[in-house]
Protein backbone atom coordinates (compact mmCIF):
# COMPACT_ATOMS: atom_id res chain seq x y z
CA MET A 1 -95.28 71.49 80.30
CA ALA A 2 -95.64 71.30 83.60
CA ASP A 3 -96.46 74.76 85.74
CA SER A 4 -93.30 74.95 87.62
CA ARG A 5 -95.13 76.81 91.25
CA PHE A 6 -96.22 73.47 91.59
CA ALA A 7 -93.11 71.13 91.12
CA PRO A 8 -91.54 69.83 93.63
CA ALA A 9 -88.36 71.93 95.38
CA ARG A 10 -84.97 71.09 93.53
CA SER A 11 -82.62 73.41 94.86
CA GLY A 12 -81.49 73.55 98.59
CA ARG A 13 -81.99 77.15 99.14
CA ALA A 14 -85.87 76.47 98.99
CA PHE A 15 -85.75 74.59 102.90
CA THR A 16 -83.05 77.59 103.77
CA GLY A 17 -85.51 80.01 105.62
CA PRO A 18 -87.68 77.92 106.97
CA VAL A 19 -85.41 74.91 108.62
CA LEU A 20 -83.29 78.96 109.50
CA THR A 21 -86.60 80.05 111.41
CA GLY A 22 -87.26 76.73 113.03
CA LEU A 23 -83.61 75.98 114.13
CA ALA A 24 -83.80 80.14 115.48
CA GLY A 25 -87.18 79.58 118.05
CA PHE A 26 -85.88 76.19 118.90
CA GLY A 27 -82.78 77.35 120.15
CA ALA A 28 -85.46 80.10 121.59
CA LEU A 29 -87.39 77.98 123.18
CA ALA A 30 -84.71 75.57 124.28
CA VAL A 31 -83.59 78.53 126.15
CA VAL A 32 -86.51 79.53 127.25
CA ALA A 33 -87.52 75.99 128.71
CA ALA A 34 -84.47 75.35 130.40
CA ARG A 35 -83.66 79.05 132.80
CA ASP A 36 -86.95 79.09 134.16
CA PRO A 37 -88.66 82.37 134.36
CA HIS A 38 -90.74 81.75 137.96
CA VAL A 39 -87.99 82.92 139.74
CA PRO A 40 -87.54 86.89 139.85
CA GLY A 41 -85.11 88.58 137.86
CA SER A 42 -84.34 85.11 135.89
CA TRP A 43 -84.89 87.07 133.18
CA GLY A 44 -84.62 90.28 133.33
CA THR A 45 -87.59 93.50 134.73
CA CYS A 46 -90.24 94.77 132.25
CA ARG A 47 -89.28 98.36 132.16
CA ILE A 48 -92.73 99.26 131.01
CA LEU A 49 -94.19 97.65 134.35
CA SER A 50 -91.34 99.35 136.71
CA LEU A 51 -91.77 102.53 135.14
CA THR A 52 -95.48 102.44 134.89
CA GLY A 53 -96.90 100.27 136.99
CA TRP A 54 -99.03 98.30 134.47
CA TYR A 55 -98.65 95.52 132.79
CA CYS A 56 -96.76 95.18 128.67
CA PRO A 57 -98.55 92.59 126.72
CA GLY A 58 -95.32 90.53 126.68
CA CYS A 59 -96.00 90.39 130.83
CA GLY A 60 -96.12 86.98 132.01
CA GLY A 61 -95.31 85.53 127.88
CA LEU A 62 -92.08 83.88 128.76
CA ARG A 63 -93.35 82.54 131.65
CA ALA A 64 -95.81 81.34 130.03
CA MET A 65 -93.87 79.51 127.35
CA HIS A 66 -92.12 77.78 129.57
CA ASP A 67 -94.77 76.50 131.30
CA LEU A 68 -96.45 75.56 127.29
CA LEU A 69 -92.37 73.84 126.85
CA HIS A 70 -93.55 71.74 130.18
CA GLY A 71 -96.68 70.53 129.23
CA ASP A 72 -98.96 72.63 131.81
CA VAL A 73 -101.01 74.60 128.91
CA VAL A 74 -103.27 75.54 132.13
CA ALA A 75 -100.68 78.42 133.71
CA ALA A 76 -99.65 79.14 130.12
CA LEU A 77 -102.62 80.58 129.43
CA SER A 78 -103.13 82.17 133.20
CA SER A 79 -99.63 83.71 132.28
CA ASN A 80 -100.31 85.43 128.81
CA LEU A 81 -103.39 84.74 127.10
CA TYR A 82 -102.42 86.74 124.28
CA ALA A 83 -98.20 84.55 123.73
CA VAL A 84 -99.42 81.65 123.88
CA GLY A 85 -102.44 82.12 121.21
CA LEU A 86 -99.65 83.98 118.26
CA ALA A 87 -97.17 81.25 119.46
CA ALA A 88 -100.16 78.97 118.56
CA LEU A 89 -100.28 81.17 114.40
CA GLY A 90 -96.78 81.01 114.48
CA LEU A 91 -96.78 77.77 114.62
CA ALA A 92 -99.28 77.30 112.02
CA ILE A 93 -97.52 79.44 109.74
CA TRP A 94 -94.24 78.07 109.51
CA LEU A 95 -96.21 74.54 109.31
CA HIS A 96 -98.09 75.35 106.47
CA TRP A 97 -94.07 77.47 105.07
CA THR A 98 -92.60 73.97 105.81
CA ALA A 99 -95.40 72.16 103.45
CA SER A 100 -95.31 74.57 100.52
CA VAL A 101 -91.57 74.54 100.32
CA LEU A 102 -92.09 71.13 100.67
CA ARG A 103 -94.37 70.64 98.02
CA GLY A 104 -92.64 73.01 95.76
CA GLN A 105 -95.17 75.86 95.87
CA PRO A 106 -95.32 79.27 96.27
CA PHE A 107 -95.83 80.76 100.08
CA MET A 108 -99.21 82.37 100.39
CA LEU A 109 -101.74 82.77 103.22
CA ARG A 110 -105.12 82.31 101.40
CA TRP A 111 -107.09 81.82 104.29
CA LEU A 112 -106.30 85.37 105.61
CA PRO A 113 -104.37 88.22 103.92
CA GLU A 114 -100.99 89.84 105.40
CA ARG A 115 -102.23 92.71 105.69
CA THR A 116 -105.82 91.43 107.74
CA LEU A 117 -103.50 89.64 109.79
CA VAL A 118 -101.19 92.25 110.64
CA LEU A 119 -103.86 94.89 111.53
CA ALA A 120 -105.79 91.98 113.51
CA ALA A 121 -102.63 90.82 115.63
CA THR A 122 -101.76 94.55 116.04
CA ALA A 123 -105.42 95.29 117.33
CA GLY A 124 -105.36 92.54 119.05
CA LEU A 125 -102.63 93.41 120.78
CA VAL A 126 -103.88 97.25 121.81
CA LEU A 127 -106.77 95.25 123.51
CA PHE A 128 -104.63 93.23 125.20
CA SER A 129 -102.81 94.94 126.55
CA VAL A 130 -105.41 97.89 127.75
CA LEU A 131 -107.49 94.87 129.28
CA ARG A 132 -105.29 93.15 131.40
CA ASN A 133 -104.47 96.33 133.46
CA THR A 134 -108.87 96.85 134.08
CA PRO A 135 -109.40 95.77 137.72
CA VAL A 136 -112.77 94.35 135.61
CA LEU A 137 -110.61 91.38 133.62
CA GLY A 138 -107.63 91.75 135.94
CA PHE A 139 -107.59 87.66 135.01
CA LEU A 140 -105.25 88.77 131.41
CA ALA A 141 -102.94 89.79 134.03
CA PRO A 142 -99.65 87.49 134.22
């Protein structure tokens, strides 16, 4: 008898997660593509920046996604390098998840343990937050 982990998915329930996640992501990106965050005040202001004068890790993230969706990769990287990297990683994980469901296999990130991924992303976020607020690496600021 064949191993059930490798049998094609038979129920529509298996597709629910990737489909709903894809639809939510597409909807969010459609809104960001349609509403230009380069216009001052169009998305509000960053509370951390207004209170502390420091750029938070998300500052420039909406501008980066907007630029990326309009094909301006250089401007996207200039707005928020970390957000572009996270978007690429998120897309890769979603594609892997969808492919796993289509093949009827369990979804696993074999190339990097989940805990390691979370710790690396958190450490990267903290490091990026500090470095983008230093004079030496000011080019990381939005």
